Amino acid sequence: MMKKKEKEEADKLVGRCLLWSDIPFSFANNPFYVSMFEAASIVGPGYKPPTYHELRGPILQNEKTDCTQRLQELRDSWQFTGCTVMSDGWTDGKGRTLLNFLVHCPRGTMFLKSVDASAHVKDATLLCDLLDGFIQEVGPQHVVQVITDNAANYVA
């Protein structure tokens, strides 16, 4: 049975860690937050968390490999389910128009790239060329639909 005083001390240390690292409290909504503590409690007393070098070295590389594999699984599924190509524009703090290109399929959504389209945003033909190039990257045989902004230059 958990002791109230020990739990209060543990909670205090978690809060202090977040505060001193400027990590927002919404971090507690991260789906891995609770499982991180559960895994540490399974290891038991004396568990030493990974060091800075372990986090930025092998742990980061393993996560990158896992992420790349998951993205490849999404790509592989397009041949069976097709996919939706999505493009959305926005303006950054420097006034540049950026276009984000994403692909959605039943297994999930992935961001593929962002393009500085400041020179193209007013020109429907150039926007069409950017979108066509993206569709070619994805593979036109996989594209079921295209979703874009509804501004006049996109509609054209």
N, C-alpha and C. Protein backbone atom coordinates (compact mmCIF):
# COMPACT_ATOMS: atom_id res chain seq x y z
N MET A 1 0.85 -1.19 0.00
CA MET A 1 0.00 0.00 0.00
C MET A 1 0.89 1.25 0.00
N MET A 2 0.49 2.23 -0.81
CA MET A 2 1.26 3.46 -0.94
C MET A 2 1.08 4.33 0.31
N LYS A 3 2.18 4.85 0.78
CA LYS A 3 2.14 5.72 1.95
C LYS A 3 1.93 7.16 1.49
N LYS A 4 1.04 7.86 2.20
CA LYS A 4 0.65 9.21 1.81
C LYS A 4 1.84 10.16 1.78
N LYS A 5 2.69 10.09 2.80
CA LYS A 5 3.82 11.02 2.90
C LYS A 5 4.83 10.79 1.76
N GLU A 6 5.11 9.52 1.43
CA GLU A 6 6.04 9.21 0.34
C GLU A 6 5.48 9.67 -1.00
N LYS A 7 4.16 9.48 -1.19
CA LYS A 7 3.54 9.93 -2.44
C LYS A 7 3.62 11.44 -2.57
N GLU A 8 3.35 12.16 -1.48
CA GLU A 8 3.44 13.62 -1.52
C GLU A 8 4.85 14.07 -1.87
N GLU A 9 5.86 13.39 -1.33
CA GLU A 9 7.25 13.74 -1.61
C GLU A 9 7.58 13.45 -3.08
N ALA A 10 7.13 12.31 -3.59
CA ALA A 10 7.38 11.96 -5.00
C ALA A 10 6.69 12.97 -5.91
N ASP A 11 5.43 13.32 -5.60
CA ASP A 11 4.71 14.30 -6.42
C ASP A 11 5.42 15.65 -6.42
N LYS A 12 5.92 16.04 -5.26
CA LYS A 12 6.65 17.30 -5.12
C LYS A 12 7.89 17.30 -6.02
N LEU A 13 8.62 16.19 -6.06
CA LEU A 13 9.83 16.10 -6.89
C LEU A 13 9.50 16.10 -8.38
N VAL A 14 8.41 15.46 -8.74
CA VAL A 14 7.99 15.50 -10.15
C VAL A 14 7.65 16.94 -10.53
N GLY A 15 6.87 17.60 -9.70
CA GLY A 15 6.51 18.99 -9.95
C GLY A 15 7.73 19.89 -10.03
N ARG A 16 8.67 19.69 -9.12
CA ARG A 16 9.89 20.50 -9.11
C ARG A 16 10.70 20.27 -10.39
N CYS A 17 10.79 19.04 -10.82
CA CYS A 17 11.52 18.72 -12.06
C CYS A 17 10.90 19.45 -13.25
N LEU A 18 9.57 19.40 -13.34
CA LEU A 18 8.88 20.07 -14.45
C LEU A 18 9.08 21.58 -14.37
N LEU A 19 8.92 22.14 -13.19
CA LEU A 19 9.07 23.59 -13.02
C LEU A 19 10.48 24.06 -13.36
N TRP A 20 11.47 23.40 -12.84
CA TRP A 20 12.86 23.82 -13.04
C TRP A 20 13.32 23.62 -14.47
N SER A 21 12.63 22.78 -15.21
CA SER A 21 12.99 22.52 -16.61
C SER A 21 12.10 23.30 -17.58
N ASP A 22 11.22 24.13 -17.04
CA ASP A 22 10.26 24.90 -17.85
C ASP A 22 9.41 23.98 -18.74
N ILE A 23 9.09 22.81 -18.22
CA ILE A 23 8.22 21.88 -18.95
C ILE A 23 6.78 22.19 -18.55
N PRO A 24 5.91 22.45 -19.51
CA PRO A 24 4.53 22.79 -19.16
C PRO A 24 3.82 21.62 -18.47
N PHE A 25 2.87 21.95 -17.61
CA PHE A 25 2.14 20.91 -16.89
C PHE A 25 1.34 20.02 -17.83
N SER A 26 1.05 20.50 -19.02
CA SER A 26 0.34 19.66 -20.00
C SER A 26 1.16 18.44 -20.37
N PHE A 27 2.44 18.43 -20.02
CA PHE A 27 3.28 17.25 -20.22
C PHE A 27 2.65 16.02 -19.56
N ALA A 28 1.92 16.24 -18.47
CA ALA A 28 1.26 15.13 -17.78
C ALA A 28 0.18 14.48 -18.65
N ASN A 29 -0.24 15.16 -19.72
CA ASN A 29 -1.21 14.58 -20.65
C ASN A 29 -0.55 13.72 -21.73
N ASN A 30 0.77 13.73 -21.76
CA ASN A 30 1.50 12.91 -22.72
C ASN A 30 1.15 11.45 -22.48
N PRO A 31 0.85 10.69 -23.55
CA PRO A 31 0.44 9.30 -23.35
C PRO A 31 1.52 8.42 -22.71
N PHE A 32 2.77 8.87 -22.72
CA PHE A 32 3.85 8.08 -22.15
C PHE A 32 4.21 8.51 -20.72
N TYR A 33 3.57 9.55 -20.23
CA TYR A 33 3.89 10.09 -18.91
C TYR A 33 3.69 9.05 -17.81
N VAL A 34 2.49 8.49 -17.74
CA VAL A 34 2.18 7.53 -16.68
C VAL A 34 2.99 6.25 -16.87
N SER A 35 3.10 5.78 -18.13
CA SER A 35 3.83 4.53 -18.35
C SER A 35 5.31 4.67 -18.00
N MET A 36 5.85 5.87 -18.12
CA MET A 36 7.24 6.11 -17.72
C MET A 36 7.41 5.81 -16.23
N PHE A 37 6.50 6.31 -15.40
CA PHE A 37 6.60 6.07 -13.97
C PHE A 37 6.28 4.63 -13.61
N GLU A 38 5.32 4.04 -14.32
CA GLU A 38 5.00 2.63 -14.06
C GLU A 38 6.20 1.74 -14.36
N ALA A 39 6.90 2.01 -15.48
CA ALA A 39 8.07 1.20 -15.83
C ALA A 39 9.17 1.36 -14.77
N ALA A 40 9.36 2.58 -14.29
CA ALA A 40 10.37 2.81 -13.25
C ALA A 40 10.01 2.08 -11.97
N SER A 41 8.71 2.05 -11.64
CA SER A 41 8.31 1.36 -10.40
C SER A 41 8.46 -0.15 -10.53
N ILE A 42 8.31 -0.68 -11.74
CA ILE A 42 8.51 -2.11 -11.96
C ILE A 42 9.98 -2.48 -11.75
N VAL A 43 10.88 -1.61 -12.25
CA VAL A 43 12.32 -1.85 -12.05
C VAL A 43 12.61 -1.85 -10.55
N GLY A 44 11.98 -0.93 -9.84
CA GLY A 44 12.08 -0.92 -8.39
C GLY A 44 13.07 0.08 -7.84
N PRO A 45 13.25 0.03 -6.52
CA PRO A 45 14.17 0.95 -5.86
C PRO A 45 15.57 0.86 -6.47
N GLY A 46 16.21 1.99 -6.57
CA GLY A 46 17.56 2.01 -7.12
C GLY A 46 17.59 2.27 -8.62
N TYR A 47 16.41 2.34 -9.24
CA TYR A 47 16.38 2.63 -10.68
C TYR A 47 17.06 3.97 -10.94
N LYS A 48 17.96 3.99 -11.86
CA LYS A 48 18.62 5.23 -12.27
C LYS A 48 18.13 5.59 -13.66
N PRO A 49 17.51 6.75 -13.83
CA PRO A 49 17.02 7.15 -15.16
C PRO A 49 18.18 7.34 -16.12
N PRO A 50 17.88 7.32 -17.41
CA PRO A 50 18.96 7.48 -18.39
C PRO A 50 19.64 8.83 -18.25
N THR A 51 20.91 8.85 -18.55
CA THR A 51 21.69 10.08 -18.49
C THR A 51 21.42 10.93 -19.73
N TYR A 52 21.91 12.14 -19.69
CA TYR A 52 21.82 13.05 -20.82
C TYR A 52 22.41 12.39 -22.07
N HIS A 53 23.56 11.76 -21.92
CA HIS A 53 24.24 11.14 -23.06
C HIS A 53 23.48 9.91 -23.58
N GLU A 54 22.88 9.16 -22.69
CA GLU A 54 22.08 8.00 -23.12
C GLU A 54 20.82 8.47 -23.86
N LEU A 55 20.21 9.55 -23.36
CA LEU A 55 19.01 10.08 -24.02
C LEU A 55 19.33 10.60 -25.42
N ARG A 56 20.43 11.34 -25.55
CA ARG A 56 20.75 11.94 -26.85
C ARG A 56 21.48 11.00 -27.77
N GLY A 57 21.90 9.85 -27.27
CA GLY A 57 22.63 8.87 -28.07
C GLY A 57 21.76 7.69 -28.46
N PRO A 58 21.95 6.56 -27.80
CA PRO A 58 21.26 5.35 -28.23
C PRO A 58 19.74 5.41 -28.10
N ILE A 59 19.22 6.06 -27.08
CA ILE A 59 17.76 6.13 -26.93
C ILE A 59 17.14 6.94 -28.06
N LEU A 60 17.74 8.09 -28.38
CA LEU A 60 17.25 8.91 -29.49
C LEU A 60 17.35 8.15 -30.82
N GLN A 61 18.47 7.46 -31.04
CA GLN A 61 18.64 6.71 -32.29
C GLN A 61 17.62 5.58 -32.40
N ASN A 62 17.35 4.89 -31.30
CA ASN A 62 16.34 3.83 -31.33
C ASN A 62 14.95 4.39 -31.62
N GLU A 63 14.65 5.54 -31.05
CA GLU A 63 13.34 6.16 -31.29
C GLU A 63 13.22 6.61 -32.74
N LYS A 64 14.31 7.14 -33.28
CA LYS A 64 14.32 7.56 -34.69
C LYS A 64 14.08 6.35 -35.59
N THR A 65 14.71 5.23 -35.29
CA THR A 65 14.52 4.01 -36.07
C THR A 65 13.07 3.55 -35.98
N ASP A 66 12.49 3.56 -34.77
CA ASP A 66 11.09 3.16 -34.60
C ASP A 66 10.16 4.08 -35.38
N CYS A 67 10.40 5.39 -35.32
CA CYS A 67 9.57 6.36 -36.02
C CYS A 67 9.66 6.15 -37.53
N THR A 68 10.86 5.96 -38.03
CA THR A 68 11.05 5.73 -39.46
C THR A 68 10.30 4.47 -39.90
N GLN A 69 10.35 3.44 -39.08
CA GLN A 69 9.64 2.20 -39.40
C GLN A 69 8.13 2.41 -39.42
N ARG A 70 7.60 3.15 -38.45
CA ARG A 70 6.15 3.43 -38.42
C ARG A 70 5.72 4.23 -39.64
N LEU A 71 6.54 5.21 -40.03
CA LEU A 71 6.21 6.01 -41.22
C LEU A 71 6.25 5.15 -42.48
N GLN A 72 7.20 4.23 -42.56
CA GLN A 72 7.26 3.34 -43.71
C GLN A 72 6.03 2.42 -43.76
N GLU A 73 5.57 1.98 -42.61
CA GLU A 73 4.35 1.16 -42.56
C GLU A 73 3.15 1.96 -43.08
N LEU A 74 3.10 3.26 -42.73
CA LEU A 74 2.03 4.11 -43.27
C LEU A 74 2.13 4.18 -44.79
N ARG A 75 3.33 4.45 -45.29
CA ARG A 75 3.55 4.54 -46.74
C ARG A 75 3.16 3.23 -47.44
N ASP A 76 3.54 2.11 -46.86
CA ASP A 76 3.24 0.82 -47.45
C ASP A 76 1.73 0.56 -47.53
N SER A 77 0.98 1.12 -46.58
CA SER A 77 -0.47 0.90 -46.56
C SER A 77 -1.20 1.65 -47.67
N TRP A 78 -0.56 2.69 -48.24
CA TRP A 78 -1.24 3.49 -49.26
C TRP A 78 -1.64 2.66 -50.47
N GLN A 79 -0.86 1.66 -50.81
CA GLN A 79 -1.19 0.87 -51.99
C GLN A 79 -2.47 0.07 -51.79
N PHE A 80 -2.85 -0.19 -50.55
CA PHE A 80 -4.06 -0.97 -50.28
C PHE A 80 -5.27 -0.09 -50.01
N THR A 81 -5.04 1.06 -49.35
CA THR A 81 -6.17 1.90 -48.92
C THR A 81 -6.27 3.21 -49.69
N GLY A 82 -5.21 3.60 -50.37
CA GLY A 82 -5.16 4.92 -50.96
C GLY A 82 -4.88 5.94 -49.86
N CYS A 83 -4.79 7.20 -50.24
CA CYS A 83 -4.50 8.22 -49.25
C CYS A 83 -5.05 9.57 -49.70
N THR A 84 -5.14 10.47 -48.75
CA THR A 84 -5.57 11.84 -48.99
C THR A 84 -4.36 12.74 -48.88
N VAL A 85 -4.15 13.56 -49.88
CA VAL A 85 -3.08 14.56 -49.86
C VAL A 85 -3.69 15.85 -49.33
N MET A 86 -3.03 16.45 -48.35
CA MET A 86 -3.55 17.67 -47.75
C MET A 86 -2.49 18.75 -47.78
N SER A 87 -2.93 19.97 -48.08
CA SER A 87 -2.03 21.11 -48.09
C SER A 87 -2.73 22.26 -47.38
N ASP A 88 -1.99 22.92 -46.52
CA ASP A 88 -2.54 24.07 -45.79
C ASP A 88 -1.47 25.14 -45.70
N GLY A 89 -1.86 26.37 -45.96
CA GLY A 89 -0.93 27.48 -45.91
C GLY A 89 -1.09 28.30 -44.65
N TRP A 90 -0.01 28.92 -44.24
CA TRP A 90 -0.04 29.82 -43.10
C TRP A 90 1.10 30.81 -43.24
N THR A 91 1.04 31.89 -42.49
CA THR A 91 2.06 32.92 -42.54
C THR A 91 2.82 32.91 -41.22
N ASP A 92 4.15 32.84 -41.31
CA ASP A 92 4.96 32.81 -40.09
C ASP A 92 5.19 34.23 -39.57
N GLY A 93 5.93 34.33 -38.49
CA GLY A 93 6.20 35.62 -37.85
C GLY A 93 6.99 36.58 -38.71
N LYS A 94 7.68 36.07 -39.74
CA LYS A 94 8.46 36.93 -40.64
C LYS A 94 7.68 37.30 -41.90
N GLY A 95 6.40 36.93 -41.93
CA GLY A 95 5.56 37.27 -43.07
C GLY A 95 5.69 36.33 -44.26
N ARG A 96 6.40 35.23 -44.10
CA ARG A 96 6.53 34.26 -45.19
C ARG A 96 5.31 33.36 -45.23
N THR A 97 4.89 33.02 -46.44
CA THR A 97 3.80 32.08 -46.60
C THR A 97 4.40 30.68 -46.72
N LEU A 98 4.00 29.82 -45.80
CA LEU A 98 4.51 28.45 -45.79
C LEU A 98 3.37 27.49 -46.08
N LEU A 99 3.65 26.49 -46.88
CA LEU A 99 2.68 25.44 -47.18
C LEU A 99 3.13 24.15 -46.52
N ASN A 100 2.25 23.57 -45.74
CA ASN A 100 2.51 22.27 -45.14
C ASN A 100 1.85 21.21 -46.00
N PHE A 101 2.55 20.12 -46.24
CA PHE A 101 2.02 19.01 -47.02
C PHE A 101 1.96 17.77 -46.14
N LEU A 102 0.77 17.20 -46.06
CA LEU A 102 0.54 16.02 -45.23
C LEU A 102 -0.17 14.95 -46.05
N VAL A 103 -0.08 13.72 -45.57
CA VAL A 103 -0.79 12.61 -46.19
C VAL A 103 -1.56 11.89 -45.10
N HIS A 104 -2.82 11.61 -45.37
CA HIS A 104 -3.67 10.89 -44.42
C HIS A 104 -4.16 9.60 -45.04
N CYS A 105 -4.18 8.56 -44.24
CA CYS A 105 -4.75 7.28 -44.65
C CYS A 105 -5.40 6.67 -43.41
N PRO A 106 -6.10 5.56 -43.56
CA PRO A 106 -6.77 4.98 -42.39
C PRO A 106 -5.83 4.64 -41.22
N ARG A 107 -4.55 4.44 -41.49
CA ARG A 107 -3.60 4.09 -40.43
C ARG A 107 -3.03 5.32 -39.73
N GLY A 108 -3.28 6.52 -40.27
CA GLY A 108 -2.78 7.72 -39.60
C GLY A 108 -2.42 8.83 -40.57
N THR A 109 -1.95 9.93 -40.02
CA THR A 109 -1.56 11.10 -40.80
C THR A 109 -0.08 11.35 -40.58
N MET A 110 0.60 11.71 -41.66
CA MET A 110 2.01 12.05 -41.53
C MET A 110 2.31 13.35 -42.25
N PHE A 111 3.12 14.16 -41.61
CA PHE A 111 3.63 15.39 -42.20
C PHE A 111 4.80 15.00 -43.09
N LEU A 112 4.81 15.50 -44.33
CA LEU A 112 5.93 15.17 -45.21
C LEU A 112 6.87 16.33 -45.43
N LYS A 113 6.33 17.53 -45.60
CA LYS A 113 7.25 18.65 -45.80
C LYS A 113 6.52 19.98 -45.70
N SER A 114 7.33 21.02 -45.59
CA SER A 114 6.84 22.38 -45.58
C SER A 114 7.66 23.14 -46.63
N VAL A 115 6.97 24.00 -47.39
CA VAL A 115 7.62 24.73 -48.47
C VAL A 115 7.37 26.22 -48.27
N ASP A 116 8.43 27.02 -48.42
CA ASP A 116 8.28 28.47 -48.41
C ASP A 116 7.70 28.85 -49.76
N ALA A 117 6.43 29.22 -49.77
CA ALA A 117 5.72 29.53 -51.02
C ALA A 117 5.44 31.02 -51.15
N SER A 118 6.23 31.84 -50.48
CA SER A 118 5.99 33.28 -50.50
C SER A 118 5.94 33.83 -51.92
N ALA A 119 6.78 33.33 -52.79
CA ALA A 119 6.83 33.81 -54.17
C ALA A 119 5.72 33.21 -55.03
N HIS A 120 5.05 32.16 -54.53
CA HIS A 120 4.07 31.44 -55.34
C HIS A 120 2.62 31.62 -54.91
N VAL A 121 2.41 32.13 -53.72
CA VAL A 121 1.08 32.08 -53.12
C VAL A 121 0.01 32.82 -53.93
N LYS A 122 0.37 33.84 -54.65
CA LYS A 122 -0.63 34.58 -55.43
C LYS A 122 -0.86 33.98 -56.81
N ASP A 123 -0.02 33.06 -57.20
CA ASP A 123 -0.05 32.50 -58.55
C ASP A 123 -0.62 31.08 -58.53
N ALA A 124 -1.84 30.92 -59.05
CA ALA A 124 -2.51 29.63 -59.02
C ALA A 124 -1.74 28.57 -59.80
N THR A 125 -1.10 28.94 -60.88
CA THR A 125 -0.35 27.97 -61.69
C THR A 125 0.84 27.42 -60.90
N LEU A 126 1.57 28.31 -60.23
CA LEU A 126 2.70 27.85 -59.44
C LEU A 126 2.26 27.01 -58.25
N LEU A 127 1.14 27.39 -57.63
CA LEU A 127 0.59 26.58 -56.53
C LEU A 127 0.23 25.19 -57.05
N CYS A 128 -0.38 25.15 -58.23
CA CYS A 128 -0.73 23.86 -58.84
C CYS A 128 0.51 23.02 -59.09
N ASP A 129 1.58 23.66 -59.56
CA ASP A 129 2.82 22.94 -59.81
C ASP A 129 3.41 22.36 -58.51
N LEU A 130 3.35 23.13 -57.42
CA LEU A 130 3.83 22.64 -56.13
C LEU A 130 3.02 21.42 -55.67
N LEU A 131 1.70 21.54 -55.80
CA LEU A 131 0.83 20.44 -55.38
C LEU A 131 1.04 19.22 -56.27
N ASP A 132 1.18 19.44 -57.57
CA ASP A 132 1.42 18.33 -58.48
C ASP A 132 2.74 17.63 -58.16
N GLY A 133 3.76 18.39 -57.87
CA GLY A 133 5.05 17.80 -57.49
C GLY A 133 4.93 16.95 -56.24
N PHE A 134 4.12 17.43 -55.29
CA PHE A 134 3.92 16.66 -54.06
C PHE A 134 3.17 15.36 -54.36
N ILE A 135 2.16 15.44 -55.19
CA ILE A 135 1.40 14.24 -55.56
C ILE A 135 2.32 13.24 -56.26
N GLN A 136 3.24 13.73 -57.09
CA GLN A 136 4.19 12.84 -57.75
C GLN A 136 5.10 12.15 -56.72
N GLU A 137 5.49 12.88 -55.66
CA GLU A 137 6.31 12.29 -54.60
C GLU A 137 5.55 11.17 -53.88
N VAL A 138 4.29 11.41 -53.61
CA VAL A 138 3.46 10.44 -52.90
C VAL A 138 3.17 9.24 -53.79
N GLY A 139 2.99 9.51 -55.06
CA GLY A 139 2.61 8.47 -56.02
C GLY A 139 1.16 8.69 -56.41
N PRO A 140 0.92 9.22 -57.61
CA PRO A 140 -0.45 9.56 -58.01
C PRO A 140 -1.39 8.37 -57.98
N GLN A 141 -0.86 7.16 -58.12
CA GLN A 141 -1.70 5.97 -58.10
C GLN A 141 -2.29 5.73 -56.71
N HIS A 142 -1.75 6.38 -55.67
CA HIS A 142 -2.23 6.18 -54.30
C HIS A 142 -3.22 7.27 -53.87
N VAL A 143 -3.25 8.39 -54.58
CA VAL A 143 -4.02 9.54 -54.14
C VAL A 143 -5.49 9.38 -54.49
N VAL A 144 -6.32 9.40 -53.47
CA VAL A 144 -7.76 9.26 -53.63
C VAL A 144 -8.42 10.64 -53.70
N GLN A 145 -7.90 11.57 -52.93
CA GLN A 145 -8.46 12.93 -52.92
C GLN A 145 -7.39 13.92 -52.49
N VAL A 146 -7.66 15.19 -52.79
CA VAL A 146 -6.76 16.27 -52.43
C VAL A 146 -7.58 17.30 -51.66
N ILE A 147 -7.04 17.74 -50.54
CA ILE A 147 -7.71 18.75 -49.72
C ILE A 147 -6.76 19.93 -49.58
N THR A 148 -7.26 21.13 -49.93
CA THR A 148 -6.44 22.33 -49.82
C THR A 148 -7.24 23.44 -49.15
N ASP A 149 -6.60 24.55 -49.01
CA ASP A 149 -7.22 25.77 -48.51
C ASP A 149 -8.31 26.16 -49.51
N ASN A 150 -9.32 26.90 -49.08
CA ASN A 150 -10.37 27.31 -50.01
C ASN A 150 -10.22 28.73 -50.51
N ALA A 151 -9.01 29.30 -50.35
CA ALA A 151 -8.76 30.65 -50.87
C ALA A 151 -8.86 30.62 -52.41
N ALA A 152 -9.14 31.77 -52.99
CA ALA A 152 -9.38 31.86 -54.44
C ALA A 152 -8.22 31.31 -55.27
N ASN A 153 -6.99 31.55 -54.85
CA ASN A 153 -5.86 31.06 -55.62
C ASN A 153 -5.78 29.54 -55.61
N TYR A 154 -6.23 28.90 -54.54
CA TYR A 154 -6.27 27.44 -54.48
C TYR A 154 -7.45 26.90 -55.30
N VAL A 155 -8.57 27.57 -55.20
CA VAL A 155 -9.75 27.14 -55.95
C VAL A 155 -9.46 27.19 -57.45
N ALA A 156 -8.73 28.24 -57.90
CA ALA A 156 -8.38 28.35 -59.32
C ALA A 156 -7.52 27.17 -59.74
